[in-house]
Amino acid sequence: MHELALSQAIAASVERHADGRHVTRVRVRIGHLRQVVPESLRFSWTLLTEGSALDGTELLVEHVPAVVACNDCAEMSTLDLPILVCHACHGHDVTLVSGDEFLIDSIDVMEVA
């Protein structure tokens, strides 16, 4: 289950950037081509963070669709399958616009007074 490894990478980065502050929410943007199952990632996150400094931290996952721009006909296509092809002209000369992301978008922390 690669979602567990992904959760570990997210947790390590969040802990490093939180710098000891209490984290309440983490938002990640994950592209369609990464083939991550959001429910599995959230489940892995809960298991991994239980009993840690991140216990109770909400993980929000934003799915980013895979979109290609056709270099032949200039159409934009949203992909359902990981096959880089233009839906309009069926050309293969396309440029990936989005869908390969794996980003921590934001970390919400509570400031200590």
N, C-alpha and C. Protein backbone atom coordinates (compact mmCIF):
# COMPACT_ATOMS: atom_id res chain seq x y z
N MET A 1 0.85 -1.17 0.00
CA MET A 1 0.00 0.00 0.00
C MET A 1 0.91 1.24 0.00
N HIS A 2 1.06 1.88 -1.14
CA HIS A 2 1.95 3.03 -1.20
C HIS A 2 1.38 4.26 -0.51
N GLU A 3 0.10 4.23 -0.17
CA GLU A 3 -0.49 5.35 0.56
C GLU A 3 0.15 5.52 1.94
N LEU A 4 0.58 4.40 2.55
CA LEU A 4 1.24 4.50 3.85
C LEU A 4 2.58 5.22 3.72
N ALA A 5 3.34 4.88 2.69
CA ALA A 5 4.62 5.56 2.45
C ALA A 5 4.39 7.04 2.16
N LEU A 6 3.34 7.35 1.41
CA LEU A 6 3.02 8.74 1.12
C LEU A 6 2.64 9.48 2.40
N SER A 7 1.87 8.83 3.26
CA SER A 7 1.49 9.44 4.54
C SER A 7 2.72 9.73 5.39
N GLN A 8 3.67 8.81 5.37
CA GLN A 8 4.91 9.01 6.13
C GLN A 8 5.68 10.22 5.59
N ALA A 9 5.74 10.35 4.28
CA ALA A 9 6.44 11.49 3.68
C ALA A 9 5.75 12.80 4.02
N ILE A 10 4.42 12.80 3.96
CA ILE A 10 3.65 14.00 4.32
C ILE A 10 3.90 14.37 5.78
N ALA A 11 3.81 13.38 6.66
CA ALA A 11 3.98 13.62 8.10
C ALA A 11 5.37 14.18 8.40
N ALA A 12 6.39 13.63 7.76
CA ALA A 12 7.76 14.09 8.01
C ALA A 12 7.91 15.55 7.58
N SER A 13 7.37 15.89 6.43
CA SER A 13 7.45 17.26 5.94
C SER A 13 6.66 18.22 6.83
N VAL A 14 5.46 17.80 7.23
CA VAL A 14 4.61 18.64 8.08
C VAL A 14 5.28 18.89 9.42
N GLU A 15 5.83 17.85 10.03
CA GLU A 15 6.48 18.02 11.33
C GLU A 15 7.67 18.97 11.22
N ARG A 16 8.42 18.85 10.13
CA ARG A 16 9.59 19.72 9.92
C ARG A 16 9.16 21.19 9.79
N HIS A 17 8.10 21.43 9.02
CA HIS A 17 7.67 22.80 8.79
C HIS A 17 6.83 23.37 9.94
N ALA A 18 6.20 22.52 10.74
CA ALA A 18 5.40 23.01 11.87
C ALA A 18 6.29 23.55 12.98
N ASP A 19 7.53 23.09 13.04
CA ASP A 19 8.51 23.62 13.98
C ASP A 19 7.98 23.60 15.42
N GLY A 20 7.36 22.47 15.80
CA GLY A 20 6.89 22.30 17.18
C GLY A 20 5.50 22.84 17.46
N ARG A 21 4.91 23.56 16.51
CA ARG A 21 3.55 24.09 16.71
C ARG A 21 2.52 22.99 16.48
N HIS A 22 1.36 23.12 17.12
CA HIS A 22 0.28 22.14 16.99
C HIS A 22 -0.38 22.29 15.61
N VAL A 23 -0.41 21.21 14.86
CA VAL A 23 -0.99 21.22 13.51
C VAL A 23 -2.45 20.75 13.60
N THR A 24 -3.35 21.51 12.99
CA THR A 24 -4.77 21.16 13.03
C THR A 24 -5.25 20.57 11.70
N ARG A 25 -4.64 21.01 10.59
CA ARG A 25 -5.13 20.56 9.28
C ARG A 25 -3.98 20.61 8.27
N VAL A 26 -3.99 19.60 7.39
CA VAL A 26 -3.02 19.56 6.29
C VAL A 26 -3.82 19.37 5.00
N ARG A 27 -3.52 20.23 4.03
CA ARG A 27 -4.18 20.11 2.71
C ARG A 27 -3.14 19.66 1.70
N VAL A 28 -3.50 18.60 0.95
CA VAL A 28 -2.61 18.12 -0.11
C VAL A 28 -3.35 18.12 -1.44
N ARG A 29 -2.61 18.36 -2.52
CA ARG A 29 -3.14 18.32 -3.89
C ARG A 29 -2.47 17.14 -4.58
N ILE A 30 -3.31 16.19 -5.03
CA ILE A 30 -2.77 14.98 -5.64
C ILE A 30 -3.39 14.80 -7.01
N GLY A 31 -2.53 14.69 -8.00
CA GLY A 31 -2.96 14.53 -9.38
C GLY A 31 -3.49 13.14 -9.68
N HIS A 32 -4.41 13.10 -10.63
CA HIS A 32 -5.06 11.86 -11.05
C HIS A 32 -4.04 10.80 -11.50
N LEU A 33 -2.97 11.22 -12.13
CA LEU A 33 -1.99 10.27 -12.64
C LEU A 33 -1.14 9.65 -11.54
N ARG A 34 -1.20 10.18 -10.35
CA ARG A 34 -0.47 9.59 -9.21
C ARG A 34 -1.14 8.32 -8.71
N GLN A 35 -2.37 8.10 -9.10
CA GLN A 35 -3.14 6.90 -8.75
C GLN A 35 -3.14 6.63 -7.25
N VAL A 36 -3.47 7.67 -6.50
CA VAL A 36 -3.61 7.57 -5.05
C VAL A 36 -5.09 7.48 -4.72
N VAL A 37 -5.44 6.55 -3.87
CA VAL A 37 -6.83 6.41 -3.42
C VAL A 37 -6.99 7.29 -2.18
N PRO A 38 -7.75 8.40 -2.30
CA PRO A 38 -7.85 9.33 -1.17
C PRO A 38 -8.30 8.68 0.14
N GLU A 39 -9.26 7.77 0.08
CA GLU A 39 -9.73 7.11 1.31
C GLU A 39 -8.61 6.29 1.95
N SER A 40 -7.81 5.62 1.14
CA SER A 40 -6.68 4.85 1.66
C SER A 40 -5.62 5.76 2.26
N LEU A 41 -5.39 6.91 1.62
CA LEU A 41 -4.41 7.86 2.14
C LEU A 41 -4.87 8.40 3.49
N ARG A 42 -6.15 8.76 3.60
CA ARG A 42 -6.67 9.27 4.87
C ARG A 42 -6.62 8.19 5.96
N PHE A 43 -6.95 6.94 5.59
CA PHE A 43 -6.89 5.84 6.55
C PHE A 43 -5.45 5.64 7.03
N SER A 44 -4.51 5.64 6.09
CA SER A 44 -3.09 5.49 6.44
C SER A 44 -2.63 6.63 7.33
N TRP A 45 -3.08 7.85 7.01
CA TRP A 45 -2.74 9.03 7.80
C TRP A 45 -3.20 8.85 9.25
N THR A 46 -4.44 8.40 9.43
CA THR A 46 -4.99 8.20 10.77
C THR A 46 -4.18 7.17 11.54
N LEU A 47 -3.85 6.05 10.90
CA LEU A 47 -3.05 5.01 11.56
C LEU A 47 -1.67 5.52 11.92
N LEU A 48 -1.05 6.21 11.00
CA LEU A 48 0.32 6.68 11.18
C LEU A 48 0.43 7.75 12.26
N THR A 49 -0.53 8.66 12.30
CA THR A 49 -0.42 9.80 13.22
C THR A 49 -0.97 9.51 14.61
N GLU A 50 -1.68 8.41 14.77
CA GLU A 50 -2.26 8.08 16.08
C GLU A 50 -1.16 7.99 17.13
N GLY A 51 -1.34 8.74 18.20
CA GLY A 51 -0.38 8.74 19.30
C GLY A 51 0.84 9.62 19.05
N SER A 52 0.89 10.29 17.92
CA SER A 52 2.03 11.17 17.60
C SER A 52 1.63 12.63 17.82
N ALA A 53 2.56 13.52 17.54
CA ALA A 53 2.27 14.95 17.64
C ALA A 53 1.21 15.38 16.64
N LEU A 54 0.99 14.59 15.60
CA LEU A 54 -0.01 14.91 14.57
C LEU A 54 -1.35 14.21 14.81
N ASP A 55 -1.49 13.54 15.94
CA ASP A 55 -2.74 12.84 16.25
C ASP A 55 -3.90 13.85 16.23
N GLY A 56 -4.95 13.52 15.48
CA GLY A 56 -6.12 14.38 15.38
C GLY A 56 -6.04 15.41 14.27
N THR A 57 -4.90 15.48 13.60
CA THR A 57 -4.75 16.43 12.49
C THR A 57 -5.57 15.94 11.30
N GLU A 58 -6.38 16.83 10.77
CA GLU A 58 -7.23 16.51 9.62
C GLU A 58 -6.40 16.56 8.34
N LEU A 59 -6.55 15.54 7.50
CA LEU A 59 -5.89 15.51 6.20
C LEU A 59 -6.95 15.72 5.12
N LEU A 60 -6.84 16.84 4.41
CA LEU A 60 -7.76 17.14 3.32
C LEU A 60 -7.05 16.86 2.01
N VAL A 61 -7.70 16.09 1.15
CA VAL A 61 -7.10 15.69 -0.13
C VAL A 61 -7.89 16.32 -1.27
N GLU A 62 -7.20 17.12 -2.07
CA GLU A 62 -7.81 17.70 -3.26
C GLU A 62 -7.34 16.90 -4.47
N HIS A 63 -8.29 16.35 -5.20
CA HIS A 63 -7.99 15.59 -6.41
C HIS A 63 -7.81 16.56 -7.57
N VAL A 64 -6.69 16.45 -8.27
CA VAL A 64 -6.41 17.31 -9.42
C VAL A 64 -6.57 16.47 -10.68
N PRO A 65 -7.51 16.83 -11.55
CA PRO A 65 -7.71 16.03 -12.76
C PRO A 65 -6.50 16.09 -13.69
N ALA A 66 -6.34 15.03 -14.46
CA ALA A 66 -5.28 15.00 -15.47
C ALA A 66 -5.80 15.70 -16.72
N VAL A 67 -5.11 16.75 -17.12
CA VAL A 67 -5.50 17.55 -18.28
C VAL A 67 -4.31 17.65 -19.22
N VAL A 68 -4.57 17.45 -20.50
CA VAL A 68 -3.52 17.62 -21.52
C VAL A 68 -3.96 18.68 -22.52
N ALA A 69 -2.96 19.37 -23.06
CA ALA A 69 -3.18 20.33 -24.14
C ALA A 69 -2.62 19.71 -25.41
N CYS A 70 -3.43 19.67 -26.45
CA CYS A 70 -3.01 19.07 -27.72
C CYS A 70 -2.16 20.06 -28.50
N ASN A 71 -1.01 19.63 -28.92
CA ASN A 71 -0.11 20.48 -29.70
C ASN A 71 -0.51 20.52 -31.17
N ASP A 72 -1.43 19.64 -31.59
CA ASP A 72 -1.89 19.62 -32.98
C ASP A 72 -3.14 20.49 -33.17
N CYS A 73 -4.17 20.27 -32.33
CA CYS A 73 -5.44 20.99 -32.53
C CYS A 73 -5.73 22.02 -31.44
N ALA A 74 -4.87 22.14 -30.44
CA ALA A 74 -4.97 23.14 -29.35
C ALA A 74 -6.12 22.89 -28.38
N GLU A 75 -6.77 21.74 -28.45
CA GLU A 75 -7.85 21.41 -27.50
C GLU A 75 -7.26 20.96 -26.17
N MET A 76 -8.02 21.20 -25.10
CA MET A 76 -7.68 20.71 -23.77
C MET A 76 -8.57 19.50 -23.49
N SER A 77 -7.97 18.44 -22.98
CA SER A 77 -8.73 17.22 -22.68
C SER A 77 -8.48 16.80 -21.25
N THR A 78 -9.56 16.45 -20.54
CA THR A 78 -9.45 15.88 -19.21
C THR A 78 -9.45 14.37 -19.37
N LEU A 79 -8.44 13.73 -18.81
CA LEU A 79 -8.26 12.29 -19.00
C LEU A 79 -8.95 11.50 -17.89
N ASP A 80 -9.56 10.38 -18.30
CA ASP A 80 -10.11 9.43 -17.34
C ASP A 80 -9.12 8.32 -17.08
N LEU A 81 -8.37 7.95 -18.10
CA LEU A 81 -7.37 6.90 -18.02
C LEU A 81 -5.99 7.51 -18.17
N PRO A 82 -4.96 6.82 -17.67
CA PRO A 82 -3.61 7.37 -17.79
C PRO A 82 -3.01 7.17 -19.19
N ILE A 83 -3.77 7.56 -20.19
CA ILE A 83 -3.33 7.48 -21.58
C ILE A 83 -3.31 8.90 -22.12
N LEU A 84 -2.13 9.39 -22.44
CA LEU A 84 -1.97 10.78 -22.88
C LEU A 84 -2.35 10.91 -24.34
N VAL A 85 -3.62 11.23 -24.57
CA VAL A 85 -4.15 11.38 -25.92
C VAL A 85 -5.20 12.48 -25.92
N CYS A 86 -5.27 13.22 -27.03
CA CYS A 86 -6.27 14.27 -27.19
C CYS A 86 -7.63 13.64 -27.46
N HIS A 87 -8.64 14.07 -26.73
CA HIS A 87 -9.99 13.54 -26.95
C HIS A 87 -10.63 14.08 -28.22
N ALA A 88 -10.16 15.22 -28.71
CA ALA A 88 -10.76 15.84 -29.89
C ALA A 88 -10.24 15.21 -31.19
N CYS A 89 -8.90 15.17 -31.35
CA CYS A 89 -8.33 14.68 -32.62
C CYS A 89 -7.62 13.33 -32.48
N HIS A 90 -7.57 12.81 -31.25
CA HIS A 90 -6.93 11.53 -30.94
C HIS A 90 -5.42 11.55 -31.18
N GLY A 91 -4.85 12.75 -31.22
CA GLY A 91 -3.41 12.89 -31.39
C GLY A 91 -2.67 12.58 -30.10
N HIS A 92 -1.41 12.20 -30.26
CA HIS A 92 -0.57 11.85 -29.10
C HIS A 92 0.46 12.92 -28.79
N ASP A 93 0.49 13.97 -29.60
CA ASP A 93 1.41 15.08 -29.36
C ASP A 93 0.75 16.05 -28.39
N VAL A 94 0.79 15.71 -27.11
CA VAL A 94 0.12 16.49 -26.08
C VAL A 94 1.11 16.90 -25.00
N THR A 95 0.74 17.93 -24.29
CA THR A 95 1.53 18.41 -23.15
C THR A 95 0.67 18.27 -21.90
N LEU A 96 1.23 17.66 -20.89
CA LEU A 96 0.51 17.50 -19.63
C LEU A 96 0.41 18.85 -18.93
N VAL A 97 -0.82 19.28 -18.65
CA VAL A 97 -1.07 20.56 -17.99
C VAL A 97 -1.21 20.36 -16.49
N SER A 98 -1.92 19.32 -16.09
CA SER A 98 -2.09 19.01 -14.67
C SER A 98 -2.38 17.53 -14.53
N GLY A 99 -2.22 17.05 -13.30
CA GLY A 99 -2.54 15.66 -13.00
C GLY A 99 -1.38 14.86 -12.47
N ASP A 100 -0.18 15.45 -12.44
CA ASP A 100 0.99 14.74 -11.93
C ASP A 100 1.43 15.31 -10.57
N GLU A 101 0.61 16.18 -10.00
CA GLU A 101 0.97 16.85 -8.75
C GLU A 101 0.96 15.91 -7.55
N PHE A 102 1.82 16.20 -6.62
CA PHE A 102 1.77 15.64 -5.28
C PHE A 102 2.37 16.72 -4.38
N LEU A 103 1.50 17.59 -3.87
CA LEU A 103 1.95 18.77 -3.16
C LEU A 103 1.25 18.93 -1.81
N ILE A 104 2.01 19.35 -0.83
CA ILE A 104 1.40 19.81 0.40
C ILE A 104 1.04 21.26 0.14
N ASP A 105 -0.25 21.53 0.07
CA ASP A 105 -0.73 22.87 -0.29
C ASP A 105 -0.66 23.82 0.89
N SER A 106 -1.07 23.35 2.06
CA SER A 106 -1.03 24.21 3.25
C SER A 106 -1.03 23.38 4.53
N ILE A 107 -0.53 24.01 5.56
CA ILE A 107 -0.50 23.42 6.90
C ILE A 107 -1.09 24.45 7.85
N ASP A 108 -2.17 24.11 8.53
CA ASP A 108 -2.78 25.01 9.51
C ASP A 108 -2.23 24.66 10.89
N VAL A 109 -1.69 25.65 11.55
CA VAL A 109 -1.12 25.45 12.88
C VAL A 109 -1.76 26.41 13.87
N MET A 110 -1.70 26.04 15.14
CA MET A 110 -2.18 26.91 16.21
C MET A 110 -0.96 27.58 16.80
N GLU A 111 -1.02 28.88 16.86
CA GLU A 111 0.08 29.63 17.47
C GLU A 111 -0.02 29.53 18.99
N VAL A 112 1.11 29.36 19.62
CA VAL A 112 1.14 29.31 21.08
C VAL A 112 1.34 30.72 21.61
N ALA A 113 0.46 31.09 22.51
CA ALA A 113 0.52 32.46 23.06
C ALA A 113 1.56 32.58 24.13
